[in-house]
Amino acid sequence: QMAQVMTAVPGCQLRWAAPPQAKPTTLPPPLPR
């Protein structure tokens, strides 16, 4: 089904792979001044 969906979006590519490392939603703590 997922492969069939690809035909609805030209230029889209599907792959099955391990997810990339999640990006933090907040910055790391500041450094000591």
Full PDB file with SEQRES, HELIX, SHEET, SSBOND, CRYST1, ORIGX, SCALE, CONECT and MASTER records, all heavy atoms in Angstrom:
SEQRES   1 A   33  GLN MET ALA GLN VAL MET THR ALA VAL PRO GLY CYS GLN          
SEQRES   2 A   33  LEU ARG TRP ALA ALA PRO PRO GLN ALA LYS PRO THR THR          
SEQRES   3 A   33  LEU PRO PRO PRO LEU PRO ARG                                  
HELIX    1 AA1 MET A    2  VAL A    5  1                                   4    
HELIX    2 AA2 MET A    6  ALA A    8  5                                   3    
CRYST1    1.000    1.000    1.000  90.00  90.00  90.00 P 1           1          
ORIGX1      1.000000  0.000000  0.000000        0.00000                         
ORIGX2      0.000000  1.000000  0.000000        0.00000                         
ORIGX3      0.000000  0.000000  1.000000        0.00000                         
SCALE1      1.000000  0.000000  0.000000        0.00000                         
SCALE2      0.000000  1.000000  0.000000        0.00000                         
SCALE3      0.000000  0.000000  1.000000        0.00000                         
ATOM      1  N   GLN A   1       0.826  -1.203   0.000  1.00  0.00           N  
ATOM      2  CA  GLN A   1       0.000   0.000   0.000  1.00  0.00           C  
ATOM      3  C   GLN A   1       0.865   1.259   0.000  1.00  0.00           C  
ATOM      4  O   GLN A   1       0.582   2.233  -0.707  1.00  0.00           O  
ATOM      5  CB  GLN A   1      -0.908   0.016   1.237  1.00  0.00           C  
ATOM      6  CG  GLN A   1      -2.034  -0.995   1.222  1.00  0.00           C  
ATOM      7  CD  GLN A   1      -2.804  -0.946   2.521  1.00  0.00           C  
ATOM      8  OE1 GLN A   1      -2.263  -1.308   3.570  1.00  0.00           O  
ATOM      9  NE2 GLN A   1      -4.043  -0.489   2.464  1.00  0.00           N  
ATOM     10  N   MET A   2       1.922   1.222   0.780  1.00  0.00           N  
ATOM     11  CA  MET A   2       2.796   2.396   0.860  1.00  0.00           C  
ATOM     12  C   MET A   2       3.451   2.669  -0.488  1.00  0.00           C  
ATOM     13  O   MET A   2       3.604   3.811  -0.911  1.00  0.00           O  
ATOM     14  CB  MET A   2       3.861   2.186   1.930  1.00  0.00           C  
ATOM     15  CG  MET A   2       3.299   1.969   3.329  1.00  0.00           C  
ATOM     16  SD  MET A   2       2.248   3.332   3.880  1.00  0.00           S  
ATOM     17  CE  MET A   2       3.421   4.656   3.880  1.00  0.00           C  
ATOM     18  N   ALA A   3       3.836   1.608  -1.192  1.00  0.00           N  
ATOM     19  CA  ALA A   3       4.445   1.788  -2.511  1.00  0.00           C  
ATOM     20  C   ALA A   3       3.448   2.382  -3.494  1.00  0.00           C  
ATOM     21  O   ALA A   3       3.806   3.210  -4.339  1.00  0.00           O  
ATOM     22  CB  ALA A   3       4.972   0.451  -3.022  1.00  0.00           C  
ATOM     23  N   GLN A   4       2.176   1.998  -3.379  1.00  0.00           N  
ATOM     24  CA  GLN A   4       1.153   2.542  -4.264  1.00  0.00           C  
ATOM     25  C   GLN A   4       0.921   4.026  -3.999  1.00  0.00           C  
ATOM     26  O   GLN A   4       0.654   4.796  -4.919  1.00  0.00           O  
ATOM     27  CB  GLN A   4      -0.146   1.753  -4.105  1.00  0.00           C  
ATOM     28  CG  GLN A   4      -0.066   0.324  -4.618  1.00  0.00           C  
ATOM     29  CD  GLN A   4      -1.303  -0.480  -4.287  1.00  0.00           C  
ATOM     30  OE1 GLN A   4      -2.132  -0.064  -3.459  1.00  0.00           O  
ATOM     31  NE2 GLN A   4      -1.429  -1.646  -4.914  1.00  0.00           N  
ATOM     32  N   VAL A   5       1.025   4.418  -2.748  1.00  0.00           N  
ATOM     33  CA  VAL A   5       0.837   5.813  -2.378  1.00  0.00           C  
ATOM     34  C   VAL A   5       1.870   6.694  -3.068  1.00  0.00           C  
ATOM     35  O   VAL A   5       1.606   7.860  -3.402  1.00  0.00           O  
ATOM     36  CB  VAL A   5       0.914   5.980  -0.846  1.00  0.00           C  
ATOM     37  CG1 VAL A   5       1.116   7.435  -0.452  1.00  0.00           C  
ATOM     38  CG2 VAL A   5      -0.341   5.433  -0.200  1.00  0.00           C  
ATOM     39  N   MET A   6       3.049   6.147  -3.314  1.00  0.00           N  
ATOM     40  CA  MET A   6       4.128   6.935  -3.899  1.00  0.00           C  
ATOM     41  C   MET A   6       3.731   7.543  -5.243  1.00  0.00           C  
ATOM     42  O   MET A   6       4.213   8.598  -5.628  1.00  0.00           O  
ATOM     43  CB  MET A   6       5.376   6.070  -4.093  1.00  0.00           C  
ATOM     44  CG  MET A   6       5.897   5.451  -2.808  1.00  0.00           C  
ATOM     45  SD  MET A   6       6.457   6.695  -1.663  1.00  0.00           S  
ATOM     46  CE  MET A   6       7.847   7.309  -2.571  1.00  0.00           C  
ATOM     47  N   THR A   7       2.835   6.882  -5.962  1.00  0.00           N  
ATOM     48  CA  THR A   7       2.446   7.390  -7.272  1.00  0.00           C  
ATOM     49  C   THR A   7       1.663   8.692  -7.174  1.00  0.00           C  
ATOM     50  O   THR A   7       1.547   9.431  -8.154  1.00  0.00           O  
ATOM     51  CB  THR A   7       1.590   6.346  -8.010  1.00  0.00           C  
ATOM     52  OG1 THR A   7       0.399   6.089  -7.244  1.00  0.00           O  
ATOM     53  CG2 THR A   7       2.361   5.043  -8.187  1.00  0.00           C  
ATOM     54  N   ALA A   8       1.137   9.001  -5.982  1.00  0.00           N  
ATOM     55  CA  ALA A   8       0.361  10.228  -5.806  1.00  0.00           C  
ATOM     56  C   ALA A   8       1.251  11.450  -5.621  1.00  0.00           C  
ATOM     57  O   ALA A   8       0.772  12.582  -5.713  1.00  0.00           O  
ATOM     58  CB  ALA A   8      -0.583  10.088  -4.606  1.00  0.00           C  
ATOM     59  N   VAL A   9       2.524  11.238  -5.362  1.00  0.00           N  
ATOM     60  CA  VAL A   9       3.448  12.350  -5.085  1.00  0.00           C  
ATOM     61  C   VAL A   9       4.665  12.202  -5.995  1.00  0.00           C  
ATOM     62  O   VAL A   9       5.615  11.492  -5.653  1.00  0.00           O  
ATOM     63  CB  VAL A   9       3.873  12.377  -3.603  1.00  0.00           C  
ATOM     64  CG1 VAL A   9       4.707  13.616  -3.318  1.00  0.00           C  
ATOM     65  CG2 VAL A   9       2.663  12.322  -2.694  1.00  0.00           C  
ATOM     66  N   PRO A  10       4.678  12.830  -7.163  1.00  0.00           N  
ATOM     67  CA  PRO A  10       5.808  12.706  -8.084  1.00  0.00           C  
ATOM     68  C   PRO A  10       7.124  13.138  -7.440  1.00  0.00           C  
ATOM     69  O   PRO A  10       7.174  14.121  -6.700  1.00  0.00           O  
ATOM     70  CB  PRO A  10       5.428  13.645  -9.231  1.00  0.00           C  
ATOM     71  CG  PRO A  10       3.934  13.759  -9.160  1.00  0.00           C  
ATOM     72  CD  PRO A  10       3.594  13.668  -7.705  1.00  0.00           C  
ATOM     73  N   GLY A  11       8.163  12.387  -7.715  1.00  0.00           N  
ATOM     74  CA  GLY A  11       9.488  12.730  -7.204  1.00  0.00           C  
ATOM     75  C   GLY A  11       9.758  12.279  -5.797  1.00  0.00           C  
ATOM     76  O   GLY A  11      10.849  12.488  -5.262  1.00  0.00           O  
ATOM     77  N   CYS A  12       8.793  11.629  -5.156  1.00  0.00           N  
ATOM     78  CA  CYS A  12       8.961  11.176  -3.766  1.00  0.00           C  
ATOM     79  C   CYS A  12       9.597   9.787  -3.758  1.00  0.00           C  
ATOM     80  O   CYS A  12       9.285   8.936  -4.594  1.00  0.00           O  
ATOM     81  CB  CYS A  12       7.603  11.153  -3.070  1.00  0.00           C  
ATOM     82  SG  CYS A  12       7.674  10.704  -1.331  1.00  0.00           S  
ATOM     83  N   GLN A  13      10.487   9.548  -2.808  1.00  0.00           N  
ATOM     84  CA  GLN A  13      11.154   8.258  -2.681  1.00  0.00           C  
ATOM     85  C   GLN A  13      10.892   7.689  -1.293  1.00  0.00           C  
ATOM     86  O   GLN A  13      10.891   8.426  -0.301  1.00  0.00           O  
ATOM     87  CB  GLN A  13      12.661   8.403  -2.896  1.00  0.00           C  
ATOM     88  CG  GLN A  13      13.037   8.895  -4.285  1.00  0.00           C  
ATOM     89  CD  GLN A  13      14.535   9.079  -4.442  1.00  0.00           C  
ATOM     90  OE1 GLN A  13      15.276   9.029  -3.469  1.00  0.00           O  
ATOM     91  NE2 GLN A  13      14.980   9.296  -5.674  1.00  0.00           N  
ATOM     92  N   LEU A  14      10.658   6.386  -1.240  1.00  0.00           N  
ATOM     93  CA  LEU A  14      10.374   5.704   0.024  1.00  0.00           C  
ATOM     94  C   LEU A  14      11.524   4.772   0.354  1.00  0.00           C  
ATOM     95  O   LEU A  14      12.055   4.089  -0.507  1.00  0.00           O  
ATOM     96  CB  LEU A  14       9.078   4.897  -0.108  1.00  0.00           C  
ATOM     97  CG  LEU A  14       8.759   3.905   1.013  1.00  0.00           C  
ATOM     98  CD1 LEU A  14       8.513   4.635   2.334  1.00  0.00           C  
ATOM     99  CD2 LEU A  14       7.547   3.063   0.632  1.00  0.00           C  
ATOM    100  N   ARG A  15      11.907   4.780   1.609  1.00  0.00           N  
ATOM    101  CA  ARG A  15      12.918   3.819   2.049  1.00  0.00           C  
ATOM    102  C   ARG A  15      12.577   3.360   3.460  1.00  0.00           C  
ATOM    103  O   ARG A  15      11.889   4.059   4.221  1.00  0.00           O  
ATOM    104  CB  ARG A  15      14.325   4.426   2.009  1.00  0.00           C  
ATOM    105  CG  ARG A  15      14.568   5.546   2.988  1.00  0.00           C  
ATOM    106  CD  ARG A  15      15.951   6.160   2.772  1.00  0.00           C  
ATOM    107  NE  ARG A  15      16.195   7.252   3.693  1.00  0.00           N  
ATOM    108  CZ  ARG A  15      16.814   7.130   4.869  1.00  0.00           C  
ATOM    109  NH1 ARG A  15      17.239   5.941   5.250  1.00  0.00           N  
ATOM    110  NH2 ARG A  15      17.010   8.172   5.644  1.00  0.00           N  
ATOM    111  N   TRP A  16      13.074   2.168   3.809  1.00  0.00           N  
ATOM    112  CA  TRP A  16      12.892   1.612   5.144  1.00  0.00           C  
ATOM    113  C   TRP A  16      14.275   1.551   5.787  1.00  0.00           C  
ATOM    114  O   TRP A  16      15.158   0.837   5.327  1.00  0.00           O  
ATOM    115  CB  TRP A  16      12.290   0.208   5.066  1.00  0.00           C  
ATOM    116  CG  TRP A  16      11.095   0.133   4.167  1.00  0.00           C  
ATOM    117  CD1 TRP A  16      11.070  -0.264   2.871  1.00  0.00           C  
ATOM    118  CD2 TRP A  16       9.755   0.496   4.491  1.00  0.00           C  
ATOM    119  NE1 TRP A  16       9.806  -0.187   2.353  1.00  0.00           N  
ATOM    120  CE2 TRP A  16       8.972   0.273   3.335  1.00  0.00           C  
ATOM    121  CE3 TRP A  16       9.133   0.985   5.641  1.00  0.00           C  
ATOM    122  CZ2 TRP A  16       7.609   0.523   3.298  1.00  0.00           C  
ATOM    123  CZ3 TRP A  16       7.772   1.226   5.605  1.00  0.00           C  
ATOM    124  CH2 TRP A  16       7.018   1.002   4.450  1.00  0.00           C  
ATOM    125  N   ALA A  17      14.474   2.335   6.806  1.00  0.00           N  
ATOM    126  CA  ALA A  17      15.794   2.407   7.429  1.00  0.00           C  
ATOM    127  C   ALA A  17      15.636   2.839   8.873  1.00  0.00           C  
ATOM    128  O   ALA A  17      14.572   3.325   9.283  1.00  0.00           O  
ATOM    129  CB  ALA A  17      16.690   3.391   6.677  1.00  0.00           C  
ATOM    130  N   ALA A  18      16.728   2.691   9.618  1.00  0.00           N  
ATOM    131  CA  ALA A  18      16.700   3.136  11.011  1.00  0.00           C  
ATOM    132  C   ALA A  18      16.493   4.646  11.053  1.00  0.00           C  
ATOM    133  O   ALA A  18      17.016   5.373  10.208  1.00  0.00           O  
ATOM    134  CB  ALA A  18      18.008   2.771  11.701  1.00  0.00           C  
ATOM    135  N   PRO A  19      15.736   5.134  12.011  1.00  0.00           N  
ATOM    136  CA  PRO A  19      15.467   6.574  12.067  1.00  0.00           C  
ATOM    137  C   PRO A  19      16.722   7.355  12.413  1.00  0.00           C  
ATOM    138  O   PRO A  19      17.604   6.846  13.117  1.00  0.00           O  
ATOM    139  CB  PRO A  19      14.429   6.690  13.185  1.00  0.00           C  
ATOM    140  CG  PRO A  19      14.655   5.495  14.048  1.00  0.00           C  
ATOM    141  CD  PRO A  19      15.094   4.405  13.122  1.00  0.00           C  
ATOM    142  N   PRO A  20      16.835   8.589  11.893  1.00  0.00           N  
ATOM    143  CA  PRO A  20      17.969   9.422  12.292  1.00  0.00           C  
ATOM    144  C   PRO A  20      17.858   9.800  13.756  1.00  0.00           C  
ATOM    145  O   PRO A  20      16.793   9.708  14.361  1.00  0.00           O  
ATOM    146  CB  PRO A  20      17.827  10.663  11.395  1.00  0.00           C  
ATOM    147  CG  PRO A  20      16.373  10.711  11.076  1.00  0.00           C  
ATOM    148  CD  PRO A  20      15.908   9.279  11.016  1.00  0.00           C  
ATOM    149  N   GLN A  21      18.974  10.199  14.318  1.00  0.00           N  
ATOM    150  CA  GLN A  21      18.991  10.610  15.718  1.00  0.00           C  
ATOM    151  C   GLN A  21      18.059  11.794  15.916  1.00  0.00           C  
ATOM    152  O   GLN A  21      18.070  12.763  15.157  1.00  0.00           O  
ATOM    153  CB  GLN A  21      20.410  10.996  16.139  1.00  0.00           C  
ATOM    154  CG  GLN A  21      20.522  11.352  17.607  1.00  0.00           C  
ATOM    155  CD  GLN A  21      21.957  11.656  17.993  1.00  0.00           C  
ATOM    156  OE1 GLN A  21      22.857  11.566  17.165  1.00  0.00           O  
ATOM    157  NE2 GLN A  21      22.173  12.001  19.234  1.00  0.00           N  
ATOM    158  N   ALA A  22      17.206  11.720  16.913  1.00  0.00           N  
ATOM    159  CA  ALA A  22      16.245  12.789  17.163  1.00  0.00           C  
ATOM    160  C   ALA A  22      16.968  14.090  17.497  1.00  0.00           C  
ATOM    161  O   ALA A  22      17.964  14.098  18.228  1.00  0.00           O  
ATOM    162  CB  ALA A  22      15.325  12.400  18.311  1.00  0.00           C  
ATOM    163  N   LYS A  23      16.460  15.176  16.965  1.00  0.00           N  
ATOM    164  CA  LYS A  23      17.058  16.481  17.220  1.00  0.00           C  
ATOM    165  C   LYS A  23      16.438  17.082  18.468  1.00  0.00           C  
ATOM    166  O   LYS A  23      15.215  17.113  18.611  1.00  0.00           O  
ATOM    167  CB  LYS A  23      16.825  17.395  16.012  1.00  0.00           C  
ATOM    168  CG  LYS A  23      17.797  18.539  15.924  1.00  0.00           C  
ATOM    169  CD  LYS A  23      17.698  19.223  14.589  1.00  0.00           C  
ATOM    170  CE  LYS A  23      18.833  20.224  14.412  1.00  0.00           C  
ATOM    171  NZ  LYS A  23      18.757  20.924  13.131  1.00  0.00           N  
ATOM    172  N   PRO A  24      17.232  17.570  19.406  1.00  0.00           N  
ATOM    173  CA  PRO A  24      16.665  18.139  20.622  1.00  0.00           C  
ATOM    174  C   PRO A  24      15.747  19.313  20.306  1.00  0.00           C  
ATOM    175  O   PRO A  24      15.938  20.041  19.340  1.00  0.00           O  
ATOM    176  CB  PRO A  24      17.912  18.613  21.405  1.00  0.00           C  
ATOM    177  CG  PRO A  24      19.050  17.866  20.795  1.00  0.00           C  
ATOM    178  CD  PRO A  24      18.691  17.607  19.381  1.00  0.00           C  
ATOM    179  N   THR A  25      14.720  19.469  21.107  1.00  0.00           N  
ATOM    180  CA  THR A  25      13.794  20.579  20.900  1.00  0.00           C  
ATOM    181  C   THR A  25      14.207  21.813  21.690  1.00  0.00           C  
ATOM    182  O   THR A  25      13.626  22.874  21.513  1.00  0.00           O  
ATOM    183  CB  THR A  25      12.378  20.169  21.316  1.00  0.00           C  
ATOM    184  OG1 THR A  25      12.397  19.719  22.679  1.00  0.00           O  
ATOM    185  CG2 THR A  25      11.877  19.028  20.439  1.00  0.00           C  
ATOM    186  N   THR A  26      15.181  21.686  22.563  1.00  0.00           N  
ATOM    187  CA  THR A  26      15.703  22.840  23.284  1.00  0.00           C  
ATOM    188  C   THR A  26      17.218  22.814  23.224  1.00  0.00           C  
ATOM    189  O   THR A  26      17.823  21.781  22.932  1.00  0.00           O  
ATOM    190  CB  THR A  26      15.256  22.842  24.757  1.00  0.00           C  
ATOM    191  OG1 THR A  26      15.693  21.619  25.377  1.00  0.00           O  
ATOM    192  CG2 THR A  26      13.738  22.941  24.868  1.00  0.00           C  
ATOM    193  N   LEU A  27      17.827  23.939  23.495  1.00  0.00           N  
ATOM    194  CA  LEU A  27      19.278  24.027  23.432  1.00  0.00           C  
ATOM    195  C   LEU A  27      19.913  23.393  24.666  1.00  0.00           C  
ATOM    196  O   LEU A  27      19.285  23.271  25.721  1.00  0.00           O  
ATOM    197  CB  LEU A  27      19.689  25.492  23.341  1.00  0.00           C  
ATOM    198  CG  LEU A  27      19.138  26.277  22.154  1.00  0.00           C  
ATOM    199  CD1 LEU A  27      19.692  27.689  22.172  1.00  0.00           C  
ATOM    200  CD2 LEU A  27      19.472  25.594  20.848  1.00  0.00           C  
ATOM    201  N   PRO A  28      21.185  23.001  24.545  1.00  0.00           N  
ATOM    202  CA  PRO A  28      21.884  22.490  25.727  1.00  0.00           C  
ATOM    203  C   PRO A  28      22.067  23.599  26.754  1.00  0.00           C  
ATOM    204  O   PRO A  28      21.938  24.782  26.443  1.00  0.00           O  
ATOM    205  CB  PRO A  28      23.228  22.027  25.153  1.00  0.00           C  
ATOM    206  CG  PRO A  28      23.407  22.793  23.890  1.00  0.00           C  
ATOM    207  CD  PRO A  28      22.033  22.997  23.345  1.00  0.00           C  
ATOM    208  N   PRO A  29      22.373  23.250  28.002  1.00  0.00           N  
ATOM    209  CA  PRO A  29      22.564  24.283  29.034  1.00  0.00           C  
ATOM    210  C   PRO A  29      23.728  25.204  28.662  1.00  0.00           C  
ATOM    211  O   PRO A  29      24.691  24.784  28.014  1.00  0.00           O  
ATOM    212  CB  PRO A  29      22.899  23.473  30.299  1.00  0.00           C  
ATOM    213  CG  PRO A  29      22.408  22.098  30.018  1.00  0.00           C  
ATOM    214  CD  PRO A  29      22.518  21.888  28.544  1.00  0.00           C  
ATOM    215  N   PRO A  30      23.660  26.476  29.067  1.00  0.00           N  
ATOM    216  CA  PRO A  30      24.783  27.388  28.782  1.00  0.00           C  
ATOM    217  C   PRO A  30      26.034  26.966  29.525  1.00  0.00           C  
ATOM    218  O   PRO A  30      25.988  26.230  30.520  1.00  0.00           O  
ATOM    219  CB  PRO A  30      24.269  28.744  29.259  1.00  0.00           C  
ATOM    220  CG  PRO A  30      23.178  28.427  30.231  1.00  0.00           C  
ATOM    221  CD  PRO A  30      22.563  27.151  29.766  1.00  0.00           C  
ATOM    222  N   LEU A  31      27.166  27.446  29.022  1.00  0.00           N  
ATOM    223  CA  LEU A  31      28.450  27.144  29.643  1.00  0.00           C  
ATOM    224  C   LEU A  31      28.692  28.047  30.851  1.00  0.00           C  
ATOM    225  O   LEU A  31      28.122  29.141  30.938  1.00  0.00           O  
ATOM    226  CB  LEU A  31      29.567  27.343  28.623  1.00  0.00           C  
ATOM    227  CG  LEU A  31      29.491  26.483  27.363  1.00  0.00           C  
ATOM    228  CD1 LEU A  31      30.586  26.902  26.383  1.00  0.00           C  
ATOM    229  CD2 LEU A  31      29.612  25.017  27.703  1.00  0.00           C  
ATOM    230  N   PRO A  32      29.552  27.629  31.780  1.00  0.00           N  
ATOM    231  CA  PRO A  32      29.935  28.543  32.864  1.00  0.00           C  
ATOM    232  C   PRO A  32      30.560  29.808  32.285  1.00  0.00           C  
ATOM    233  O   PRO A  32      31.400  29.736  31.381  1.00  0.00           O  
ATOM    234  CB  PRO A  32      30.954  27.727  33.672  1.00  0.00           C  
ATOM    235  CG  PRO A  32      30.666  26.296  33.330  1.00  0.00           C  
ATOM    236  CD  PRO A  32      30.180  26.294  31.912  1.00  0.00           C  
ATOM    237  N   ARG A  33      30.164  30.954  32.797  1.00  0.00           N  
ATOM    238  CA  ARG A  33      30.645  32.211  32.236  1.00  0.00           C  
ATOM    239  C   ARG A  33      32.108  32.447  32.616  1.00  0.00           C  
ATOM    240  O   ARG A  33      32.446  32.502  33.799  1.00  0.00           O  
ATOM    241  CB  ARG A  33      29.797  33.370  32.750  1.00  0.00           C  
ATOM    242  CG  ARG A  33      30.120  34.706  32.061  1.00  0.00           C  
ATOM    243  CD  ARG A  33      29.426  35.874  32.761  1.00  0.00           C  
ATOM    244  NE  ARG A  33      27.999  35.732  32.813  1.00  0.00           N  
ATOM    245  CZ  ARG A  33      27.158  36.067  31.837  1.00  0.00           C  
ATOM    246  NH1 ARG A  33      27.658  36.520  30.692  1.00  0.00           N  
ATOM    247  NH2 ARG A  33      25.856  35.930  31.978  1.00  0.00           N  
TER     248      ARG A  33                                                      
MASTER        0    0    0    2    0    0    0    6  247    1    0    3          
END                                                                             
